[in-house]
């Protein structure tokens, strides 16, 4: 059993490997995304069981729009089905849903589903679930800089007022604390333009497991590994 004071407050996950999972089984790529949705469900349930406060899932990057249109359409279709099927259940379980990224890039019906989901669950607090869709870390920083420049032009922001704390206020979700743990599936050793500002001192955990196979046992293994670490935040252990 992991002591509660060793449980990360915020876990972020790069869900990678859906396409490879399907290809290894001779299946269409979209089938990997479909099975991957089941992993999302189990990870959310596990996060609730362990008392994790924030869970951020990298669901669809801005770069993912460059994939073949058929695959993108299938992914959007899966998003629709999952939201229509799961939001009410998540609401009953006390999950608050937040979508982060350039949500206006999504098809209009998905934008509405996202906004309706956030409105329905906005007062929940058992787990804050952040879904990064049409998200890119560099895009987030550029968008933040644009907001700051606009305020500076209007005379509402002076350069000397800008520091790390004030900069955070211009991020997509400034209330979201930095991740304590970032999990990457599929064995790739990169952060893929995810939460670039927020992961400065985040603990990284990489597993060879492809996302559709990442279930409760794998998640618990990552939490146990995190619990064994000594975080220093740039300091020196005495």
Protein backbone atom coordinates (compact mmCIF):
# COMPACT_ATOMS: atom_id res chain seq x y z
CA UNK A 1 0.00 0.00 0.00
CA UNK A 2 1.34 3.43 -0.96
CA UNK A 3 1.25 5.98 1.91
CA UNK A 4 -1.15 8.81 1.09
CA UNK A 5 1.59 11.41 1.54
CA UNK A 6 3.51 9.65 -1.26
CA UNK A 7 0.62 9.81 -3.73
CA UNK A 8 1.18 12.50 -6.41
CA UNK A 9 -1.31 15.32 -6.32
CA UNK A 10 -1.22 15.76 -10.09
CA UNK A 11 -0.47 13.03 -12.65
CA UNK A 12 -0.13 13.83 -16.36
CA UNK A 13 -0.06 11.11 -19.00
CA UNK A 14 1.13 11.07 -22.61
CA UNK A 15 -1.07 8.31 -24.02
CA UNK A 16 1.03 6.87 -26.84
CA UNK A 17 1.06 3.65 -28.83
CA UNK A 18 -2.52 3.19 -30.06
CA UNK A 19 -1.48 2.86 -33.69
CA UNK A 20 1.37 0.44 -32.98
CA UNK A 21 -0.90 -1.67 -30.78
CA UNK A 22 -3.35 -2.07 -33.66
CA UNK A 23 -0.66 -2.62 -36.31
CA UNK A 24 0.94 -5.45 -34.33
CA UNK A 25 -2.43 -7.20 -34.36
CA UNK A 26 -3.14 -6.57 -38.02
CA UNK A 27 -5.97 -4.20 -37.15
CA UNK A 28 -6.83 -0.70 -38.46
CA UNK A 29 -5.22 2.13 -36.48
CA UNK A 30 -8.55 3.45 -35.28
CA UNK A 31 -9.15 0.19 -33.41
CA UNK A 32 -6.16 1.03 -31.23
CA UNK A 33 -7.76 4.37 -30.37
CA UNK A 34 -11.03 2.60 -29.56
CA UNK A 35 -9.36 0.16 -27.15
CA UNK A 36 -7.26 3.02 -25.76
CA UNK A 37 -10.49 4.68 -24.61
CA UNK A 38 -10.99 1.72 -22.28
CA UNK A 39 -7.59 2.43 -20.74
CA UNK A 40 -8.71 6.01 -20.12
CA UNK A 41 -11.72 4.75 -18.21
CA UNK A 42 -9.60 2.46 -16.04
CA UNK A 43 -6.95 5.11 -15.36
CA UNK A 44 -9.63 7.55 -14.21
CA UNK A 45 -11.11 4.96 -11.88
CA UNK A 46 -7.66 4.16 -10.46
CA UNK A 47 -6.88 7.84 -9.92
CA UNK A 48 -10.10 8.19 -7.92
CA UNK A 49 -9.29 5.09 -5.86
CA UNK A 50 -5.85 6.45 -4.92
CA UNK A 51 -7.06 9.95 -4.10
CA UNK A 52 -5.19 11.70 -6.90
CA UNK A 53 -6.51 15.25 -7.15
CA UNK A 54 -5.60 16.15 -10.74
CA UNK A 55 -5.26 13.95 -13.82
CA UNK A 56 -4.23 15.46 -17.16
CA UNK A 57 -4.45 13.32 -20.29
CA UNK A 58 -2.80 14.26 -23.59
CA UNK A 59 -5.68 13.20 -25.81
CA UNK A 60 -4.95 14.96 -29.12
CA UNK A 61 -2.08 17.28 -30.00
CA UNK A 62 -2.19 20.11 -32.52
CA UNK A 63 0.32 18.11 -34.56
CA UNK A 64 -2.17 15.23 -34.70
CA UNK A 65 -4.29 17.24 -37.14
CA UNK A 66 -1.62 16.38 -39.75
CA UNK A 67 -2.54 12.70 -39.63
CA UNK A 68 -4.59 11.19 -42.49
CA UNK A 69 -8.07 12.72 -42.52
CA UNK A 70 -9.73 9.32 -42.17
CA UNK A 71 -7.83 8.64 -38.93
CA UNK A 72 -8.59 12.11 -37.57
CA UNK A 73 -12.29 11.66 -38.33
CA UNK A 74 -12.28 8.30 -36.55
CA UNK A 75 -10.60 9.82 -33.48
CA UNK A 76 -13.20 12.62 -33.41
CA UNK A 77 -15.94 9.99 -33.69
CA UNK A 78 -14.48 8.11 -30.71
CA UNK A 79 -14.37 11.37 -28.72
CA UNK A 80 -18.07 11.90 -29.46
CA UNK A 81 -19.06 8.40 -28.43
CA UNK A 82 -16.97 8.46 -25.26
CA UNK A 83 -18.28 11.86 -24.16
CA UNK A 84 -21.89 10.95 -24.86
CA UNK A 85 -21.51 7.67 -22.99
CA UNK A 86 -19.25 8.59 -20.07
CA UNK A 87 -19.85 12.19 -19.00
CA UNK A 88 -22.96 11.45 -16.94
CA UNK A 89 -21.17 8.56 -15.23
CA UNK A 90 -18.15 10.73 -14.45
CA UNK A 91 -20.44 13.43 -13.10
CA UNK A 92 -22.08 10.95 -10.72
CA UNK A 93 -18.61 9.88 -9.55
CA UNK A 94 -17.71 13.47 -8.70
CA UNK A 95 -15.28 14.08 -11.56
CA UNK A 96 -14.79 17.62 -12.80
CA UNK A 97 -13.93 17.81 -16.50
CA UNK A 98 -11.83 20.56 -18.06
CA UNK A 99 -10.77 20.75 -21.70
CA UNK A 100 -7.54 22.60 -22.42
CA UNK A 101 -6.06 23.62 -25.74
CA UNK A 102 -7.43 25.34 -28.82
CA UNK A 103 -10.89 23.86 -28.40
CA UNK A 104 -12.21 26.04 -31.24
CA UNK A 105 -10.24 23.81 -33.63
CA UNK A 106 -12.69 20.98 -32.94
CA UNK A 107 -15.82 20.33 -35.00
CA UNK A 108 -18.72 22.50 -33.71
CA UNK A 109 -20.65 19.57 -32.20
CA UNK A 110 -17.58 18.45 -30.26
CA UNK A 111 -17.00 21.99 -29.02
CA UNK A 112 -20.54 21.97 -27.66
CA UNK A 113 -20.06 18.55 -26.06
CA UNK A 114 -16.88 19.79 -24.39
CA UNK A 115 -18.51 22.96 -23.06
CA UNK A 116 -21.62 21.09 -21.89
CA UNK A 117 -19.42 18.55 -20.10
CA UNK A 118 -17.51 21.29 -18.31
CA UNK A 119 -20.70 23.07 -17.30
CA UNK A 120 -22.32 19.88 -15.98
CA UNK A 121 -19.31 18.87 -13.88
CA UNK A 122 -17.93 22.26 -12.85
CA UNK A 123 -18.82 21.92 -9.16
CA UNK A 124 -17.36 18.43 -8.73
CA UNK A 125 -14.16 17.94 -6.76
CA UNK A 126 -13.34 14.26 -6.27
CA UNK A 127 -11.02 14.26 -9.32
CA UNK A 128 -10.19 17.17 -11.63
CA UNK A 129 -9.80 15.60 -15.07
CA UNK A 130 -8.05 17.80 -17.65
CA UNK A 131 -8.23 16.66 -21.27
CA UNK A 132 -5.62 18.27 -23.53
CA UNK A 133 -7.22 18.34 -26.99
CA UNK A 134 -5.82 20.28 -29.95
CA UNK A 135 -3.12 21.17 -27.45
CA UNK A 136 0.53 22.04 -27.91
CA UNK A 137 2.95 23.27 -25.28
CA UNK A 138 4.60 25.80 -27.59
CA UNK A 139 1.20 27.01 -28.78
CA UNK A 140 0.16 27.56 -25.17
CA UNK A 141 3.25 29.68 -24.56
CA UNK A 142 2.71 31.67 -27.76
CA UNK A 143 -0.92 32.28 -26.85
CA UNK A 144 0.17 33.42 -23.38
CA UNK A 145 2.71 35.83 -24.90
CA UNK A 146 0.05 37.26 -27.22
CA UNK A 147 -2.25 37.98 -24.28
CA UNK A 148 0.57 39.71 -22.42
CA UNK A 149 1.59 41.82 -25.43
CA UNK A 150 -2.03 42.91 -25.93
CA UNK A 151 -2.24 44.06 -22.32
CA UNK A 152 1.12 45.81 -22.61
CA UNK A 153 -0.06 47.71 -25.70
CA UNK A 154 -3.17 48.77 -23.79
CA UNK A 155 -0.93 50.01 -20.97
CA UNK A 156 -2.31 47.42 -18.55
CA UNK A 157 0.91 45.42 -18.11
CA UNK A 158 4.46 46.65 -17.54
CA UNK A 159 7.55 44.50 -18.27
CA UNK A 160 8.78 44.77 -14.69
CA UNK A 161 5.52 43.22 -13.49
CA UNK A 162 6.23 39.99 -15.35
CA UNK A 163 7.64 37.10 -13.33
CA UNK A 164 6.98 33.36 -13.17
CA UNK A 165 3.87 33.78 -11.03
CA UNK A 166 2.32 36.46 -13.22
CA UNK A 167 3.21 34.56 -16.41
CA UNK A 168 1.34 31.48 -15.17
CA UNK A 169 -1.88 33.51 -15.11
CA UNK A 170 -1.81 33.64 -18.91
CA UNK A 171 -1.59 29.88 -19.45
CA UNK A 172 -4.67 27.97 -20.61
CA UNK A 173 -5.50 26.69 -17.13
CA UNK A 174 -3.56 28.78 -14.59
CA UNK A 175 -5.25 27.02 -11.67
CA UNK A 176 -3.75 23.66 -12.70
CA UNK A 177 -0.73 22.85 -10.47
CA UNK A 178 2.45 21.54 -12.03
CA UNK A 179 2.40 17.76 -12.50
CA UNK A 180 4.19 15.76 -9.83
CA UNK A 181 4.43 12.77 -12.16
CA UNK A 182 4.44 12.55 -15.96
CA UNK A 183 3.85 9.07 -17.40
CA UNK A 184 4.73 8.26 -21.01
CA UNK A 185 3.61 5.00 -22.56
CA UNK A 186 5.13 3.14 -25.56
CA UNK A 187 8.75 3.62 -24.49
CA UNK A 188 9.39 6.88 -26.37
CA UNK A 189 11.85 9.15 -24.55
CA UNK A 190 10.42 12.58 -25.34
CA UNK A 191 7.81 14.94 -23.93
CA UNK A 192 6.15 15.63 -27.31
CA UNK A 193 5.35 19.30 -26.75
CA UNK A 194 3.27 18.59 -23.65
CA UNK A 195 3.00 21.00 -20.70
CA UNK A 196 6.40 22.52 -21.47
CA UNK A 197 6.09 25.28 -18.85
CA UNK A 198 4.57 23.05 -16.19
CA UNK A 199 6.95 20.05 -16.18
CA UNK A 200 10.14 21.87 -15.17
CA UNK A 201 10.53 19.71 -12.03
CA UNK A 202 8.11 16.90 -12.79
CA UNK A 203 9.18 13.31 -12.17
CA UNK A 204 9.20 11.29 -15.41
CA UNK A 205 8.13 7.67 -15.76
CA UNK A 206 8.42 5.84 -19.09
CA UNK A 207 6.98 2.40 -19.75
CA UNK A 208 7.29 0.21 -22.84
CA UNK A 209 3.61 -0.69 -22.46
CA UNK A 210 1.46 0.63 -25.30
CA UNK A 211 -1.49 2.76 -24.21
CA UNK A 212 -4.29 0.22 -24.95
CA UNK A 213 -2.53 -2.19 -22.56
CA UNK A 214 -1.96 0.43 -19.85
CA UNK A 215 -4.43 -0.53 -17.15
CA UNK A 216 -4.65 -0.39 -13.35
CA UNK A 217 -1.64 -2.64 -12.68
CA UNK A 218 0.65 -0.50 -14.84
CA UNK A 219 -0.66 2.72 -13.30
CA UNK A 220 -0.07 1.40 -9.78
CA UNK A 221 3.45 0.40 -10.77
CA UNK A 222 4.13 3.98 -11.87
CA UNK A 223 2.71 5.33 -8.60
CA UNK A 224 4.90 2.95 -6.60
CA UNK A 225 7.97 4.07 -8.52
CA UNK A 226 7.09 7.71 -7.85
CA UNK A 227 6.59 6.99 -4.14
CA UNK A 228 10.14 5.62 -3.93
CA UNK A 229 11.73 8.82 -5.23
CA UNK A 230 13.13 11.78 -3.33
CA UNK A 231 12.12 15.05 -4.96
CA UNK A 232 14.62 17.93 -4.67
CA UNK A 233 13.38 20.66 -7.00
CA UNK A 234 16.93 21.69 -7.86
CA UNK A 235 18.11 21.62 -4.25
CA UNK A 236 20.60 19.35 -2.51
CA UNK A 237 19.46 16.65 -0.13
CA UNK A 238 20.84 17.23 3.35
